Amino acid sequence: MKYEKDIKDWTKGFAIKLVKLTIALKKEGIEYALRDQLLRSGTSIGANVKKAKASSSRKELIRYYEIALKSCDESEFLIEVIREGYEMNIDRFATFQIELKEITKVIARIIINLKK
């Protein structure tokens, strides 16, 4: 797979979309704790990618990408919990889940390549 987007810009864009989603979820009465944790984990992806880009060592670089990868997994889990727990339309979250899976694959590939 070829990804033309820089991962730093891509994850920032994803975080911005996630902010807008959580604002909409607030209006719909979704529990604060779930919205807040989704917002934290989703924005953590981009924040850790940015930290990785500024790392001073290869070990630190890998560590920040691994944290970003864990945040991807947590975000995916929370989206599923919100969608299923509140019986929301799967289509509403489909684009987020697809993009999140793509970001996850790219970050995982970066980690694998850095460990070689």
N, C-alpha and C. Protein backbone atom coordinates (compact mmCIF):
# COMPACT_ATOMS: atom_id res chain seq x y z
N MET A 1 0.83 -1.19 0.00
CA MET A 1 0.00 0.00 0.00
C MET A 1 0.86 1.24 0.00
N LYS A 2 0.44 2.21 -0.76
CA LYS A 2 1.16 3.47 -0.79
C LYS A 2 0.32 4.54 -0.12
N TYR A 3 0.96 5.26 0.78
CA TYR A 3 0.30 6.37 1.46
C TYR A 3 1.08 7.63 1.16
N GLU A 4 0.42 8.55 0.50
CA GLU A 4 1.10 9.77 0.10
C GLU A 4 1.09 10.81 1.21
N LYS A 5 0.21 10.64 2.18
CA LYS A 5 0.11 11.60 3.27
C LYS A 5 1.26 11.40 4.26
N ASP A 6 1.80 12.49 4.74
CA ASP A 6 2.76 12.41 5.82
C ASP A 6 2.00 11.99 7.06
N ILE A 7 2.51 11.02 7.80
CA ILE A 7 1.81 10.47 8.95
C ILE A 7 1.52 11.54 10.00
N LYS A 8 2.41 12.50 10.14
CA LYS A 8 2.21 13.58 11.12
C LYS A 8 0.98 14.41 10.76
N ASP A 9 0.88 14.83 9.51
CA ASP A 9 -0.27 15.61 9.06
C ASP A 9 -1.55 14.77 9.06
N TRP A 10 -1.41 13.52 8.68
CA TRP A 10 -2.56 12.63 8.60
C TRP A 10 -3.18 12.42 9.99
N THR A 11 -2.33 12.15 10.99
CA THR A 11 -2.86 11.90 12.33
C THR A 11 -3.41 13.18 12.96
N LYS A 12 -2.85 14.33 12.59
CA LYS A 12 -3.40 15.60 13.07
C LYS A 12 -4.80 15.81 12.48
N GLY A 13 -4.94 15.55 11.19
CA GLY A 13 -6.25 15.67 10.54
C GLY A 13 -7.27 14.73 11.15
N PHE A 14 -6.83 13.51 11.46
CA PHE A 14 -7.72 12.55 12.10
C PHE A 14 -8.17 13.06 13.46
N ALA A 15 -7.25 13.64 14.22
CA ALA A 15 -7.57 14.17 15.55
C ALA A 15 -8.60 15.29 15.45
N ILE A 16 -8.47 16.13 14.45
CA ILE A 16 -9.43 17.23 14.26
C ILE A 16 -10.82 16.68 13.95
N LYS A 17 -10.89 15.66 13.11
CA LYS A 17 -12.18 15.03 12.81
C LYS A 17 -12.77 14.39 14.06
N LEU A 18 -11.91 13.83 14.88
CA LEU A 18 -12.36 13.20 16.10
C LEU A 18 -12.91 14.23 17.09
N VAL A 19 -12.29 15.38 17.15
CA VAL A 19 -12.80 16.47 18.00
C VAL A 19 -14.22 16.81 17.58
N LYS A 20 -14.44 16.94 16.28
CA LYS A 20 -15.77 17.28 15.77
C LYS A 20 -16.78 16.17 16.09
N LEU A 21 -16.33 14.92 15.99
CA LEU A 21 -17.21 13.79 16.32
C LEU A 21 -17.61 13.84 17.79
N THR A 22 -16.65 14.09 18.67
CA THR A 22 -16.98 14.09 20.10
C THR A 22 -17.89 15.26 20.47
N ILE A 23 -17.78 16.37 19.76
CA ILE A 23 -18.72 17.48 19.97
C ILE A 23 -20.14 17.03 19.61
N ALA A 24 -20.26 16.32 18.49
CA ALA A 24 -21.57 15.81 18.07
C ALA A 24 -22.10 14.78 19.06
N LEU A 25 -21.21 13.93 19.56
CA LEU A 25 -21.63 12.91 20.53
C LEU A 25 -22.10 13.55 21.83
N LYS A 26 -21.51 14.65 22.21
CA LYS A 26 -21.94 15.37 23.42
C LYS A 26 -23.38 15.84 23.25
N LYS A 27 -23.69 16.39 22.08
CA LYS A 27 -25.05 16.87 21.80
C LYS A 27 -26.07 15.74 21.84
N GLU A 28 -25.60 14.53 21.59
CA GLU A 28 -26.48 13.37 21.58
C GLU A 28 -26.56 12.67 22.94
N GLY A 29 -25.88 13.23 23.92
CA GLY A 29 -25.98 12.69 25.27
C GLY A 29 -25.11 11.49 25.56
N ILE A 30 -24.08 11.28 24.76
CA ILE A 30 -23.17 10.17 25.03
C ILE A 30 -22.36 10.50 26.29
N GLU A 31 -22.23 9.52 27.15
CA GLU A 31 -21.55 9.66 28.44
C GLU A 31 -20.21 10.39 28.30
N TYR A 32 -19.99 11.37 29.19
CA TYR A 32 -18.77 12.17 29.17
C TYR A 32 -17.51 11.32 29.22
N ALA A 33 -17.48 10.34 30.12
CA ALA A 33 -16.27 9.53 30.30
C ALA A 33 -15.86 8.84 29.00
N LEU A 34 -16.83 8.33 28.25
CA LEU A 34 -16.52 7.67 26.98
C LEU A 34 -16.03 8.66 25.94
N ARG A 35 -16.73 9.79 25.83
CA ARG A 35 -16.31 10.83 24.86
C ARG A 35 -14.92 11.34 25.18
N ASP A 36 -14.69 11.60 26.45
CA ASP A 36 -13.41 12.15 26.88
C ASP A 36 -12.28 11.17 26.60
N GLN A 37 -12.50 9.90 26.92
CA GLN A 37 -11.44 8.91 26.70
C GLN A 37 -11.18 8.71 25.21
N LEU A 38 -12.23 8.73 24.40
CA LEU A 38 -12.05 8.63 22.95
C LEU A 38 -11.25 9.83 22.44
N LEU A 39 -11.59 11.00 22.92
CA LEU A 39 -10.87 12.21 22.51
C LEU A 39 -9.40 12.13 22.93
N ARG A 40 -9.16 11.66 24.14
CA ARG A 40 -7.78 11.55 24.63
C ARG A 40 -6.97 10.52 23.82
N SER A 41 -7.54 9.36 23.61
CA SER A 41 -6.79 8.32 22.90
C SER A 41 -6.61 8.68 21.43
N GLY A 42 -7.64 9.26 20.82
CA GLY A 42 -7.56 9.62 19.40
C GLY A 42 -6.58 10.74 19.12
N THR A 43 -6.53 11.74 20.00
CA THR A 43 -5.59 12.83 19.80
C THR A 43 -4.18 12.42 20.22
N SER A 44 -4.08 11.43 21.09
CA SER A 44 -2.78 10.92 21.52
C SER A 44 -2.00 10.30 20.35
N ILE A 45 -2.71 9.76 19.38
CA ILE A 45 -2.05 9.16 18.22
C ILE A 45 -1.16 10.20 17.56
N GLY A 46 -1.76 11.33 17.18
CA GLY A 46 -1.01 12.38 16.50
C GLY A 46 0.05 13.02 17.39
N ALA A 47 -0.28 13.19 18.67
CA ALA A 47 0.68 13.80 19.60
C ALA A 47 1.94 12.94 19.72
N ASN A 48 1.76 11.62 19.77
CA ASN A 48 2.92 10.74 19.89
C ASN A 48 3.68 10.60 18.58
N VAL A 49 2.99 10.69 17.46
CA VAL A 49 3.69 10.71 16.17
C VAL A 49 4.55 11.97 16.08
N LYS A 50 4.00 13.08 16.53
CA LYS A 50 4.77 14.33 16.52
C LYS A 50 5.99 14.22 17.43
N LYS A 51 5.81 13.65 18.61
CA LYS A 51 6.94 13.44 19.52
C LYS A 51 7.98 12.52 18.88
N ALA A 52 7.51 11.50 18.17
CA ALA A 52 8.43 10.56 17.51
C ALA A 52 9.29 11.29 16.50
N LYS A 53 8.66 12.20 15.75
CA LYS A 53 9.40 12.95 14.73
C LYS A 53 10.50 13.81 15.34
N ALA A 54 10.33 14.17 16.62
CA ALA A 54 11.30 15.03 17.30
C ALA A 54 12.23 14.24 18.23
N SER A 55 12.22 12.93 18.12
CA SER A 55 13.01 12.08 19.02
C SER A 55 14.50 12.30 18.83
N SER A 56 15.22 12.06 19.91
CA SER A 56 16.68 12.23 19.87
C SER A 56 17.42 10.91 19.66
N SER A 57 16.70 9.81 19.73
CA SER A 57 17.35 8.51 19.50
C SER A 57 16.38 7.57 18.79
N ARG A 58 16.92 6.54 18.18
CA ARG A 58 16.10 5.55 17.49
C ARG A 58 15.19 4.82 18.48
N LYS A 59 15.71 4.51 19.67
CA LYS A 59 14.93 3.83 20.70
C LYS A 59 13.73 4.69 21.12
N GLU A 60 13.96 5.97 21.31
CA GLU A 60 12.89 6.88 21.68
C GLU A 60 11.87 7.02 20.55
N LEU A 61 12.36 7.07 19.32
CA LEU A 61 11.50 7.15 18.14
C LEU A 61 10.54 5.96 18.09
N ILE A 62 11.08 4.76 18.27
CA ILE A 62 10.27 3.54 18.27
C ILE A 62 9.26 3.57 19.41
N ARG A 63 9.70 4.02 20.59
CA ARG A 63 8.82 4.04 21.76
C ARG A 63 7.60 4.93 21.52
N TYR A 64 7.81 6.11 20.92
CA TYR A 64 6.67 7.00 20.67
C TYR A 64 5.73 6.43 19.61
N TYR A 65 6.26 5.77 18.60
CA TYR A 65 5.39 5.12 17.62
C TYR A 65 4.61 3.97 18.25
N GLU A 66 5.25 3.24 19.17
CA GLU A 66 4.53 2.16 19.86
C GLU A 66 3.40 2.71 20.73
N ILE A 67 3.62 3.84 21.37
CA ILE A 67 2.55 4.47 22.16
C ILE A 67 1.42 4.90 21.24
N ALA A 68 1.76 5.47 20.09
CA ALA A 68 0.74 5.88 19.11
C ALA A 68 -0.07 4.67 18.65
N LEU A 69 0.60 3.54 18.44
CA LEU A 69 -0.08 2.32 18.02
C LEU A 69 -1.06 1.84 19.10
N LYS A 70 -0.65 1.91 20.35
CA LYS A 70 -1.55 1.52 21.44
C LYS A 70 -2.76 2.46 21.51
N SER A 71 -2.53 3.73 21.24
CA SER A 71 -3.64 4.70 21.22
C SER A 71 -4.61 4.40 20.08
N CYS A 72 -4.09 3.91 18.96
CA CYS A 72 -4.96 3.48 17.85
C CYS A 72 -5.88 2.36 18.31
N ASP A 73 -5.29 1.37 18.97
CA ASP A 73 -6.07 0.23 19.45
C ASP A 73 -7.14 0.67 20.45
N GLU A 74 -6.76 1.55 21.37
CA GLU A 74 -7.71 2.03 22.37
C GLU A 74 -8.85 2.82 21.70
N SER A 75 -8.50 3.65 20.73
CA SER A 75 -9.52 4.44 20.03
C SER A 75 -10.50 3.55 19.29
N GLU A 76 -9.97 2.52 18.64
CA GLU A 76 -10.82 1.58 17.92
C GLU A 76 -11.79 0.89 18.89
N PHE A 77 -11.28 0.48 20.03
CA PHE A 77 -12.11 -0.16 21.05
C PHE A 77 -13.22 0.79 21.52
N LEU A 78 -12.87 2.03 21.81
CA LEU A 78 -13.86 2.98 22.31
C LEU A 78 -14.93 3.31 21.28
N ILE A 79 -14.54 3.41 20.02
CA ILE A 79 -15.53 3.65 18.96
C ILE A 79 -16.53 2.49 18.93
N GLU A 80 -16.03 1.27 19.04
CA GLU A 80 -16.90 0.10 19.04
C GLU A 80 -17.83 0.10 20.25
N VAL A 81 -17.31 0.44 21.42
CA VAL A 81 -18.12 0.47 22.64
C VAL A 81 -19.23 1.51 22.52
N ILE A 82 -18.89 2.70 22.04
CA ILE A 82 -19.89 3.77 21.89
C ILE A 82 -20.94 3.36 20.86
N ARG A 83 -20.48 2.86 19.73
CA ARG A 83 -21.40 2.48 18.66
C ARG A 83 -22.34 1.37 19.11
N GLU A 84 -21.78 0.33 19.70
CA GLU A 84 -22.60 -0.81 20.11
C GLU A 84 -23.39 -0.52 21.39
N GLY A 85 -22.78 0.17 22.34
CA GLY A 85 -23.44 0.45 23.61
C GLY A 85 -24.64 1.38 23.47
N TYR A 86 -24.54 2.30 22.53
CA TYR A 86 -25.64 3.24 22.30
C TYR A 86 -26.45 2.87 21.06
N GLU A 87 -26.16 1.68 20.52
CA GLU A 87 -26.87 1.15 19.35
C GLU A 87 -26.95 2.20 18.23
N MET A 88 -25.80 2.76 17.90
CA MET A 88 -25.73 3.78 16.86
C MET A 88 -25.51 3.12 15.50
N ASN A 89 -25.86 3.83 14.48
CA ASN A 89 -25.70 3.37 13.11
C ASN A 89 -24.22 3.14 12.80
N ILE A 90 -23.91 1.95 12.32
CA ILE A 90 -22.53 1.60 12.01
C ILE A 90 -21.93 2.51 10.93
N ASP A 91 -22.77 2.97 10.00
CA ASP A 91 -22.28 3.81 8.90
C ASP A 91 -21.66 5.12 9.41
N ARG A 92 -22.19 5.61 10.49
CA ARG A 92 -21.70 6.87 11.05
C ARG A 92 -20.23 6.77 11.47
N PHE A 93 -19.83 5.60 11.92
CA PHE A 93 -18.47 5.40 12.41
C PHE A 93 -17.57 4.70 11.40
N ALA A 94 -18.15 4.26 10.30
CA ALA A 94 -17.39 3.46 9.33
C ALA A 94 -16.16 4.19 8.81
N THR A 95 -16.31 5.45 8.43
CA THR A 95 -15.15 6.17 7.88
C THR A 95 -14.07 6.35 8.93
N PHE A 96 -14.46 6.58 10.19
CA PHE A 96 -13.46 6.69 11.26
C PHE A 96 -12.74 5.37 11.46
N GLN A 97 -13.49 4.28 11.46
CA GLN A 97 -12.88 2.97 11.67
C GLN A 97 -11.96 2.59 10.52
N ILE A 98 -12.36 2.89 9.31
CA ILE A 98 -11.52 2.58 8.15
C ILE A 98 -10.23 3.39 8.20
N GLU A 99 -10.36 4.69 8.44
CA GLU A 99 -9.17 5.54 8.50
C GLU A 99 -8.26 5.13 9.66
N LEU A 100 -8.85 4.80 10.78
CA LEU A 100 -8.07 4.38 11.94
C LEU A 100 -7.30 3.09 11.65
N LYS A 101 -7.93 2.16 10.97
CA LYS A 101 -7.25 0.91 10.59
C LYS A 101 -6.08 1.19 9.65
N GLU A 102 -6.26 2.13 8.71
CA GLU A 102 -5.17 2.48 7.80
C GLU A 102 -4.02 3.14 8.55
N ILE A 103 -4.33 4.05 9.45
CA ILE A 103 -3.30 4.70 10.26
C ILE A 103 -2.57 3.65 11.09
N THR A 104 -3.32 2.72 11.68
CA THR A 104 -2.73 1.66 12.49
C THR A 104 -1.74 0.84 11.68
N LYS A 105 -2.13 0.47 10.47
CA LYS A 105 -1.25 -0.32 9.60
C LYS A 105 0.03 0.43 9.27
N VAL A 106 -0.09 1.72 8.98
CA VAL A 106 1.09 2.52 8.62
C VAL A 106 2.03 2.63 9.83
N ILE A 107 1.48 2.92 10.99
CA ILE A 107 2.32 3.04 12.18
C ILE A 107 2.99 1.71 12.51
N ALA A 108 2.25 0.62 12.39
CA ALA A 108 2.82 -0.71 12.63
C ALA A 108 3.96 -0.99 11.65
N ARG A 109 3.76 -0.61 10.39
CA ARG A 109 4.80 -0.80 9.38
C ARG A 109 6.04 0.05 9.69
N ILE A 110 5.82 1.27 10.15
CA ILE A 110 6.94 2.14 10.53
C ILE A 110 7.74 1.48 11.66
N ILE A 111 7.04 0.96 12.66
CA ILE A 111 7.72 0.31 13.79
C ILE A 111 8.52 -0.89 13.31
N ILE A 112 7.93 -1.72 12.49
CA ILE A 112 8.62 -2.91 11.97
C ILE A 112 9.89 -2.49 11.21
N ASN A 113 9.76 -1.48 10.35
CA ASN A 113 10.92 -1.01 9.58
C ASN A 113 12.00 -0.41 10.47
N LEU A 114 11.62 0.29 11.51
CA LEU A 114 12.60 0.87 12.43
C LEU A 114 13.33 -0.18 13.24
N LYS A 115 12.67 -1.29 13.50
CA LYS A 115 13.28 -2.37 14.30
C LYS A 115 14.20 -3.26 13.48
N LYS A 116 14.19 -3.11 12.17
CA LYS A 116 15.06 -3.94 11.30
C LYS A 116 16.50 -3.50 11.41
